[in-house]
Each structure stands twice: as structure tokens, then as C-alpha cells.
Amino acid sequence: MADKGSSDRGKSEEVTSLQGRLTSVRFYTVAEVASVMRVSKMSVYRLIHSGELEAVRFGRSFRVPESAVKAFLNDAYFETG
């Protein structure tokens, strides 16, 4: 009979290490993103759930990387005339 530890070891190998990559990442709350974009929090939630805005889920909360906000705004920008 296999013990629980052996099954957990297989799962840990699937996880990609983020060590060192998150030290310089700044995360925004949904409220902060809404304030920067001058939209409602519900609009930000819609963008997250539709996949248009990258976000990380922590429990029941979302955090949006600063780079995702900048990328979204750059992609949404267009010149007229």
C-alpha cells in the first residue's frame, strides 16, 4: 500500500518554481485597478473572468500584476484621426 507522501512527491514535481521571479512584481487589488482605469470594480472582475486581464487568485481575492494592467491598457489604446 502506497503512503500519502509518495503521491504528494509526484505532484510537487509538476509545480513550476517562481523563486526569484516574483521579487520585483507589484500586485494591485481589484479596487486599485478600477481606480487606475477609472472603471467600476465589477468591470475589472468581468475583464478577469473573461480572460482579458491576467490575474492571480489568492483564496477568494484576485491580485493583478502591474505588468498585466500596463499590457491591457497598451493593447486597448488607439489613435483617432
PDB file of N, CA and C in Angstrom:
ATOM      1  N   MET A   1       0.851  -1.195   0.000  1.00  0.00           N
ATOM      2  CA  MET A   1       0.000   0.000   0.000  1.00  0.00           C
ATOM      3  C   MET A   1       0.885   1.243   0.000  1.00  0.00           C
ATOM      4  N   ALA A   2       0.615   2.161  -0.889  1.00  0.00           N
ATOM      5  CA  ALA A   2       1.436   3.371  -1.004  1.00  0.00           C
ATOM      6  C   ALA A   2       1.048   4.367   0.080  1.00  0.00           C
ATOM      7  N   ASP A   3       2.031   5.071   0.595  1.00  0.00           N
ATOM      8  CA  ASP A   3       1.744   6.087   1.597  1.00  0.00           C
ATOM      9  C   ASP A   3       1.427   7.418   0.937  1.00  0.00           C
ATOM     10  N   LYS A   4       0.826   8.324   1.694  1.00  0.00           N
ATOM     11  CA  LYS A   4       0.435   9.628   1.151  1.00  0.00           C
ATOM     12  C   LYS A   4       1.632  10.431   0.668  1.00  0.00           C
ATOM     13  N   GLY A   5       2.758  10.287   1.321  1.00  0.00           N
ATOM     14  CA  GLY A   5       3.944  11.057   0.967  1.00  0.00           C
ATOM     15  C   GLY A   5       4.416  10.789  -0.440  1.00  0.00           C
ATOM     16  N   SER A   6       4.313   9.547  -0.905  1.00  0.00           N
ATOM     17  CA  SER A   6       4.781   9.235  -2.250  1.00  0.00           C
ATOM     18  C   SER A   6       3.901   9.872  -3.311  1.00  0.00           C
ATOM     19  N   SER A   7       2.588   9.963  -3.077  1.00  0.00           N
ATOM     20  CA  SER A   7       1.708  10.588  -4.063  1.00  0.00           C
ATOM     21  C   SER A   7       1.907  12.101  -4.086  1.00  0.00           C
ATOM     22  N   ASP A   8       2.212  12.699  -2.942  1.00  0.00           N
ATOM     23  CA  ASP A   8       2.450  14.140  -2.887  1.00  0.00           C
ATOM     24  C   ASP A   8       3.738  14.522  -3.599  1.00  0.00           C
ATOM     25  N   ARG A   9       4.731  13.656  -3.552  1.00  0.00           N
ATOM     26  CA  ARG A   9       6.003  13.960  -4.202  1.00  0.00           C
ATOM     27  C   ARG A   9       5.830  14.082  -5.707  1.00  0.00           C
ATOM     28  N   GLY A  10       4.988  13.275  -6.304  1.00  0.00           N
ATOM     29  CA  GLY A  10       4.748  13.346  -7.740  1.00  0.00           C
ATOM     30  C   GLY A  10       4.104  14.659  -8.134  1.00  0.00           C
ATOM     31  N   LYS A  11       3.217  15.158  -7.292  1.00  0.00           N
ATOM     32  CA  LYS A  11       2.541  16.425  -7.577  1.00  0.00           C
ATOM     33  C   LYS A  11       3.493  17.604  -7.491  1.00  0.00           C
ATOM     34  N   SER A  12       4.420  17.566  -6.546  1.00  0.00           N
ATOM     35  CA  SER A  12       5.312  18.707  -6.355  1.00  0.00           C
ATOM     36  C   SER A  12       6.245  18.893  -7.543  1.00  0.00           C
ATOM     37  N   GLU A  13       6.515  17.835  -8.287  1.00  0.00           N
ATOM     38  CA  GLU A  13       7.391  17.938  -9.452  1.00  0.00           C
ATOM     39  C   GLU A  13       6.713  18.676 -10.597  1.00  0.00           C
ATOM     40  N   GLU A  14       5.373  18.737 -10.581  1.00  0.00           N
ATOM     41  CA  GLU A  14       4.623  19.409 -11.638  1.00  0.00           C
ATOM     42  C   GLU A  14       4.599  20.923 -11.467  1.00  0.00           C
ATOM     43  N   VAL A  15       4.880  21.397 -10.274  1.00  0.00           N
ATOM     44  CA  VAL A  15       4.815  22.821  -9.972  1.00  0.00           C
ATOM     45  C   VAL A  15       6.057  23.515 -10.504  1.00  0.00           C
ATOM     46  N   THR A  16       5.847  24.628 -11.204  1.00  0.00           N
ATOM     47  CA  THR A  16       6.953  25.414 -11.726  1.00  0.00           C
ATOM     48  C   THR A  16       7.437  26.376 -10.653  1.00  0.00           C
ATOM     49  N   SER A  17       8.726  26.412 -10.429  1.00  0.00           N
ATOM     50  CA  SER A  17       9.286  27.285  -9.412  1.00  0.00           C
ATOM     51  C   SER A  17       9.227  28.736  -9.860  1.00  0.00           C
ATOM     52  N   LEU A  18       8.764  29.579  -8.972  1.00  0.00           N
ATOM     53  CA  LEU A  18       8.701  31.017  -9.253  1.00  0.00           C
ATOM     54  C   LEU A  18       9.735  31.789  -8.454  1.00  0.00           C
ATOM     55  N   GLN A  19      10.611  31.062  -7.796  1.00  0.00           N
ATOM     56  CA  GLN A  19      11.603  31.702  -6.930  1.00  0.00           C
ATOM     57  C   GLN A  19      12.426  32.714  -7.719  1.00  0.00           C
ATOM     58  N   GLY A  20      12.512  33.920  -7.210  1.00  0.00           N
ATOM     59  CA  GLY A  20      13.305  34.960  -7.844  1.00  0.00           C
ATOM     60  C   GLY A  20      12.541  35.765  -8.879  1.00  0.00           C
ATOM     61  N   ARG A  21      11.479  35.191  -9.436  1.00  0.00           N
ATOM     62  CA  ARG A  21      10.731  35.897 -10.472  1.00  0.00           C
ATOM     63  C   ARG A  21       9.674  36.825  -9.885  1.00  0.00           C
ATOM     64  N   LEU A  22       9.254  36.608  -8.668  1.00  0.00           N
ATOM     65  CA  LEU A  22       8.197  37.420  -8.075  1.00  0.00           C
ATOM     66  C   LEU A  22       8.716  38.520  -7.165  1.00  0.00           C
ATOM     67  N   THR A  23      10.011  38.602  -6.995  1.00  0.00           N
ATOM     68  CA  THR A  23      10.553  39.599  -6.074  1.00  0.00           C
ATOM     69  C   THR A  23      10.310  41.023  -6.547  1.00  0.00           C
ATOM     70  N   SER A  24      10.255  41.232  -7.843  1.00  0.00           N
ATOM     71  CA  SER A  24      10.079  42.583  -8.357  1.00  0.00           C
ATOM     72  C   SER A  24       8.677  42.829  -8.908  1.00  0.00           C
ATOM     73  N   VAL A  25       7.764  41.881  -8.747  1.00  0.00           N
ATOM     74  CA  VAL A  25       6.408  42.040  -9.268  1.00  0.00           C
ATOM     75  C   VAL A  25       5.560  42.800  -8.262  1.00  0.00           C
ATOM     76  N   ARG A  26       4.848  43.804  -8.752  1.00  0.00           N
ATOM     77  CA  ARG A  26       3.923  44.559  -7.907  1.00  0.00           C
ATOM     78  C   ARG A  26       2.511  44.118  -8.278  1.00  0.00           C
ATOM     79  N   PHE A  27       1.729  43.768  -7.279  1.00  0.00           N
ATOM     80  CA  PHE A  27       0.358  43.334  -7.495  1.00  0.00           C
ATOM     81  C   PHE A  27      -0.609  44.416  -7.045  1.00  0.00           C
ATOM     82  N   TYR A  28      -1.693  44.586  -7.818  1.00  0.00           N
ATOM     83  CA  TYR A  28      -2.759  45.524  -7.475  1.00  0.00           C
ATOM     84  C   TYR A  28      -3.996  44.761  -7.041  1.00  0.00           C
ATOM     85  N   THR A  29      -4.771  45.350  -6.161  1.00  0.00           N
ATOM     86  CA  THR A  29      -6.080  44.801  -5.835  1.00  0.00           C
ATOM     87  C   THR A  29      -7.044  45.195  -6.949  1.00  0.00           C
ATOM     88  N   VAL A  30      -8.211  44.566  -6.948  1.00  0.00           N
ATOM     89  CA  VAL A  30      -9.231  44.912  -7.948  1.00  0.00           C
ATOM     90  C   VAL A  30      -9.633  46.376  -7.796  1.00  0.00           C
ATOM     91  N   ALA A  31      -9.746  46.851  -6.579  1.00  0.00           N
ATOM     92  CA  ALA A  31     -10.114  48.251  -6.345  1.00  0.00           C
ATOM     93  C   ALA A  31      -9.052  49.204  -6.892  1.00  0.00           C
ATOM     94  N   GLU A  32      -7.784  48.858  -6.723  1.00  0.00           N
ATOM     95  CA  GLU A  32      -6.703  49.705  -7.247  1.00  0.00           C
ATOM     96  C   GLU A  32      -6.718  49.729  -8.768  1.00  0.00           C
ATOM     97  N   VAL A  33      -6.946  48.579  -9.386  1.00  0.00           N
ATOM     98  CA  VAL A  33      -7.021  48.524 -10.855  1.00  0.00           C
ATOM     99  C   VAL A  33      -8.199  49.365 -11.337  1.00  0.00           C
ATOM    100  N   ALA A  34      -9.335  49.244 -10.665  1.00  0.00           N
ATOM    101  CA  ALA A  34     -10.511  50.033 -11.039  1.00  0.00           C
ATOM    102  C   ALA A  34     -10.224  51.523 -10.948  1.00  0.00           C
ATOM    103  N   SER A  35      -9.498  51.923  -9.920  1.00  0.00           N
ATOM    104  CA  SER A  35      -9.155  53.328  -9.743  1.00  0.00           C
ATOM    105  C   SER A  35      -8.225  53.818 -10.856  1.00  0.00           C
ATOM    106  N   VAL A  36      -7.219  53.010 -11.189  1.00  0.00           N
ATOM    107  CA  VAL A  36      -6.272  53.386 -12.247  1.00  0.00           C
ATOM    108  C   VAL A  36      -6.984  53.493 -13.593  1.00  0.00           C
ATOM    109  N   MET A  37      -7.879  52.541 -13.858  1.00  0.00           N
ATOM    110  CA  MET A  37      -8.569  52.500 -15.154  1.00  0.00           C
ATOM    111  C   MET A  37      -9.822  53.378 -15.178  1.00  0.00           C
ATOM    112  N   ARG A  38     -10.197  53.904 -13.999  1.00  0.00           N
ATOM    113  CA  ARG A  38     -11.400  54.731 -13.854  1.00  0.00           C
ATOM    114  C   ARG A  38     -12.658  54.013 -14.341  1.00  0.00           C
ATOM    115  N   VAL A  39     -12.787  52.762 -13.863  1.00  0.00           N
ATOM    116  CA  VAL A  39     -13.975  51.956 -14.122  1.00  0.00           C
ATOM    117  C   VAL A  39     -14.430  51.368 -12.783  1.00  0.00           C
ATOM    118  N   SER A  40     -15.561  50.677 -12.795  1.00  0.00           N
ATOM    119  CA  SER A  40     -16.037  50.059 -11.561  1.00  0.00           C
ATOM    120  C   SER A  40     -15.275  48.768 -11.271  1.00  0.00           C
ATOM    121  N   LYS A  41     -15.345  48.333 -10.021  1.00  0.00           N
ATOM    122  CA  LYS A  41     -14.720  47.069  -9.649  1.00  0.00           C
ATOM    123  C   LYS A  41     -15.369  45.920 -10.424  1.00  0.00           C
ATOM    124  N   MET A  42     -16.670  45.997 -10.659  1.00  0.00           N
ATOM    125  CA  MET A  42     -17.361  44.951 -11.412  1.00  0.00           C
ATOM    126  C   MET A  42     -16.804  44.850 -12.828  1.00  0.00           C
ATOM    127  N   SER A  43     -16.446  45.965 -13.432  1.00  0.00           N
ATOM    128  CA  SER A  43     -15.846  45.936 -14.773  1.00  0.00           C
ATOM    129  C   SER A  43     -14.509  45.200 -14.751  1.00  0.00           C
ATOM    130  N   VAL A  44     -13.729  45.409 -13.698  1.00  0.00           N
ATOM    131  CA  VAL A  44     -12.444  44.721 -13.562  1.00  0.00           C
ATOM    132  C   VAL A  44     -12.681  43.221 -13.385  1.00  0.00           C
ATOM    133  N   TYR A  45     -13.655  42.860 -12.549  1.00  0.00           N
ATOM    134  CA  TYR A  45     -13.975  41.437 -12.369  1.00  0.00           C
ATOM    135  C   TYR A  45     -14.396  40.802 -13.694  1.00  0.00           C
ATOM    136  N   ARG A  46     -15.159  41.521 -14.494  1.00  0.00           N
ATOM    137  CA  ARG A  46     -15.577  40.997 -15.805  1.00  0.00           C
ATOM    138  C   ARG A  46     -14.365  40.774 -16.712  1.00  0.00           C
ATOM    139  N   LEU A  47     -13.424  41.704 -16.709  1.00  0.00           N
ATOM    140  CA  LEU A  47     -12.211  41.546 -17.510  1.00  0.00           C
ATOM    141  C   LEU A  47     -11.397  40.342 -17.051  1.00  0.00           C
ATOM    142  N   ILE A  48     -11.327  40.131 -15.754  1.00  0.00           N
ATOM    143  CA  ILE A  48     -10.579  38.996 -15.210  1.00  0.00           C
ATOM    144  C   ILE A  48     -11.250  37.684 -15.605  1.00  0.00           C
ATOM    145  N   HIS A  49     -12.561  37.597 -15.377  1.00  0.00           N
ATOM    146  CA  HIS A  49     -13.276  36.356 -15.656  1.00  0.00           C
ATOM    147  C   HIS A  49     -13.351  36.038 -17.147  1.00  0.00           C
ATOM    148  N   SER A  50     -13.309  37.055 -17.991  1.00  0.00           N
ATOM    149  CA  SER A  50     -13.335  36.811 -19.438  1.00  0.00           C
ATOM    150  C   SER A  50     -11.952  36.450 -19.981  1.00  0.00           C
ATOM    151  N   GLY A  51     -10.917  36.632 -19.158  1.00  0.00           N
ATOM    152  CA  GLY A  51      -9.564  36.316 -19.588  1.00  0.00           C
ATOM    153  C   GLY A  51      -8.849  37.471 -20.265  1.00  0.00           C
ATOM    154  N   GLU A  52      -9.491  38.620 -20.341  1.00  0.00           N
ATOM    155  CA  GLU A  52      -8.879  39.780 -20.978  1.00  0.00           C
ATOM    156  C   GLU A  52      -7.812  40.426 -20.094  1.00  0.00           C
ATOM    157  N   LEU A  53      -7.921  40.225 -18.779  1.00  0.00           N
ATOM    158  CA  LEU A  53      -6.976  40.803 -17.835  1.00  0.00           C
ATOM    159  C   LEU A  53      -6.422  39.677 -16.974  1.00  0.00           C
ATOM    160  N   GLU A  54      -5.128  39.516 -17.018  1.00  0.00           N
ATOM    161  CA  GLU A  54      -4.454  38.467 -16.251  1.00  0.00           C
ATOM    162  C   GLU A  54      -4.544  38.776 -14.767  1.00  0.00           C
ATOM    163  N   ALA A  55      -4.800  37.747 -13.965  1.00  0.00           N
ATOM    164  CA  ALA A  55      -4.884  37.927 -12.517  1.00  0.00           C
ATOM    165  C   ALA A  55      -4.501  36.633 -11.819  1.00  0.00           C
ATOM    166  N   VAL A  56      -4.141  36.770 -10.559  1.00  0.00           N
ATOM    167  CA  VAL A  56      -3.799  35.634  -9.713  1.00  0.00           C
ATOM    168  C   VAL A  56      -4.830  35.582  -8.602  1.00  0.00           C
ATOM    169  N   ARG A  57      -5.295  34.378  -8.310  1.00  0.00           N
ATOM    170  CA  ARG A  57      -6.300  34.238  -7.260  1.00  0.00           C
ATOM    171  C   ARG A  57      -5.635  33.806  -5.962  1.00  0.00           C
ATOM    172  N   PHE A  58      -5.904  34.545  -4.893  1.00  0.00           N
ATOM    173  CA  PHE A  58      -5.438  34.226  -3.552  1.00  0.00           C
ATOM    174  C   PHE A  58      -6.678  34.006  -2.698  1.00  0.00           C
ATOM    175  N   GLY A  59      -7.035  32.759  -2.475  1.00  0.00           N
ATOM    176  CA  GLY A  59      -8.262  32.478  -1.733  1.00  0.00           C
ATOM    177  C   GLY A  59      -9.452  32.966  -2.523  1.00  0.00           C
ATOM    178  N   ARG A  60     -10.198  33.895  -1.951  1.00  0.00           N
ATOM    179  CA  ARG A  60     -11.362  34.454  -2.648  1.00  0.00           C
ATOM    180  C   ARG A  60     -11.053  35.792  -3.311  1.00  0.00           C
ATOM    181  N   SER A  61      -9.816  36.263  -3.200  1.00  0.00           N
ATOM    182  CA  SER A  61      -9.427  37.563  -3.742  1.00  0.00           C
ATOM    183  C   SER A  61      -8.595  37.397  -5.004  1.00  0.00           C
ATOM    184  N   PHE A  62      -8.599  38.422  -5.823  1.00  0.00           N
ATOM    185  CA  PHE A  62      -7.751  38.465  -7.010  1.00  0.00           C
ATOM    186  C   PHE A  62      -6.698  39.536  -6.830  1.00  0.00           C
ATOM    187  N   ARG A  63      -5.530  39.291  -7.387  1.00  0.00           N
ATOM    188  CA  ARG A  63      -4.470  40.291  -7.459  1.00  0.00           C
ATOM    189  C   ARG A  63      -4.013  40.348  -8.911  1.00  0.00           C
ATOM    190  N   VAL A  64      -3.819  41.554  -9.393  1.00  0.00           N
ATOM    191  CA  VAL A  64      -3.463  41.766 -10.796  1.00  0.00           C
ATOM    192  C   VAL A  64      -2.046  42.300 -10.871  1.00  0.00           C
ATOM    193  N   PRO A  65      -1.162  41.614 -11.609  1.00  0.00           N
ATOM    194  CA  PRO A  65       0.201  42.130 -11.747  1.00  0.00           C
ATOM    195  C   PRO A  65       0.205  43.479 -12.461  1.00  0.00           C
ATOM    196  N   GLU A  66       1.088  44.346 -12.032  1.00  0.00           N
ATOM    197  CA  GLU A  66       1.203  45.666 -12.648  1.00  0.00           C
ATOM    198  C   GLU A  66       1.441  45.541 -14.151  1.00  0.00           C
ATOM    199  N   SER A  67       2.249  44.565 -14.552  1.00  0.00           N
ATOM    200  CA  SER A  67       2.552  44.370 -15.970  1.00  0.00           C
ATOM    201  C   SER A  67       1.295  44.017 -16.763  1.00  0.00           C
ATOM    202  N   ALA A  68       0.353  43.301 -16.154  1.00  0.00           N
ATOM    203  CA  ALA A  68      -0.891  42.946 -16.836  1.00  0.00           C
ATOM    204  C   ALA A  68      -1.761  44.175 -17.062  1.00  0.00           C
ATOM    205  N   VAL A  69      -1.778  45.073 -16.091  1.00  0.00           N
ATOM    206  CA  VAL A  69      -2.544  46.313 -16.233  1.00  0.00           C
ATOM    207  C   VAL A  69      -1.949  47.160 -17.354  1.00  0.00           C
ATOM    208  N   LYS A  70      -0.621  47.302 -17.350  1.00  0.00           N
ATOM    209  CA  LYS A  70       0.041  48.084 -18.401  1.00  0.00           C
ATOM    210  C   LYS A  70      -0.182  47.466 -19.775  1.00  0.00           C
ATOM    211  N   ALA A  71      -0.078  46.143 -19.876  1.00  0.00           N
ATOM    212  CA  ALA A  71      -0.276  45.460 -21.154  1.00  0.00           C
ATOM    213  C   ALA A  71      -1.705  45.644 -21.650  1.00  0.00           C
ATOM    214  N   PHE A  72      -2.675  45.528 -20.748  1.00  0.00           N
ATOM    215  CA  PHE A  72      -4.066  45.700 -21.144  1.00  0.00           C
ATOM    216  C   PHE A  72      -4.314  47.108 -21.662  1.00  0.00           C
ATOM    217  N   LEU A  73      -3.814  48.105 -20.938  1.00  0.00           N
ATOM    218  CA  LEU A  73      -4.021  49.491 -21.355  1.00  0.00           C
ATOM    219  C   LEU A  73      -3.297  49.803 -22.663  1.00  0.00           C
ATOM    220  N   ASN A  74      -2.097  49.257 -22.854  1.00  0.00           N
ATOM    221  CA  ASN A  74      -1.379  49.464 -24.110  1.00  0.00           C
ATOM    222  C   ASN A  74      -2.114  48.834 -25.288  1.00  0.00           C
ATOM    223  N   ASP A  75      -2.669  47.649 -25.083  1.00  0.00           N
ATOM    224  CA  ASP A  75      -3.411  46.978 -26.150  1.00  0.00           C
ATOM    225  C   ASP A  75      -4.725  47.673 -26.442  1.00  0.00           C
ATOM    226  N   ALA A  76      -5.321  48.321 -25.445  1.00  0.00           N
ATOM    227  CA  ALA A  76      -6.609  48.981 -25.614  1.00  0.00           C
ATOM    228  C   ALA A  76      -6.469  50.369 -26.234  1.00  0.00           C
ATOM    229  N   TYR A  77      -5.259  50.910 -26.221  1.00  0.00           N
ATOM    230  CA  TYR A  77      -5.024  52.271 -26.709  1.00  0.00           C
ATOM    231  C   TYR A  77      -5.065  52.313 -28.230  1.00  0.00           C
ATOM    232  N   PHE A  78      -5.728  53.304 -28.785  1.00  0.00           N
ATOM    233  CA  PHE A  78      -5.694  53.520 -30.230  1.00  0.00           C
ATOM    234  C   PHE A  78      -5.797  55.010 -30.526  1.00  0.00           C
ATOM    235  N   GLU A  79      -5.216  55.394 -31.654  1.00  0.00           N
ATOM    236  CA  GLU A  79      -5.233  56.794 -32.055  1.00  0.00           C
ATOM    237  C   GLU A  79      -6.370  57.026 -33.038  1.00  0.00           C
ATOM    238  N   THR A  80      -6.939  58.205 -32.970  1.00  0.00           N
ATOM    239  CA  THR A  80      -8.008  58.550 -33.899  1.00  0.00           C
ATOM    240  C   THR A  80      -7.496  59.583 -34.895  1.00  0.00           C
ATOM    241  N   GLY A  81      -8.177  59.637 -35.982  1.00  0.00           N
ATOM    242  CA  GLY A  81      -7.904  60.659 -36.971  1.00  0.00           C
ATOM    243  C   GLY A  81      -6.691  60.467 -37.706  1.00  0.00           C
TER     244      GLY A  81
END
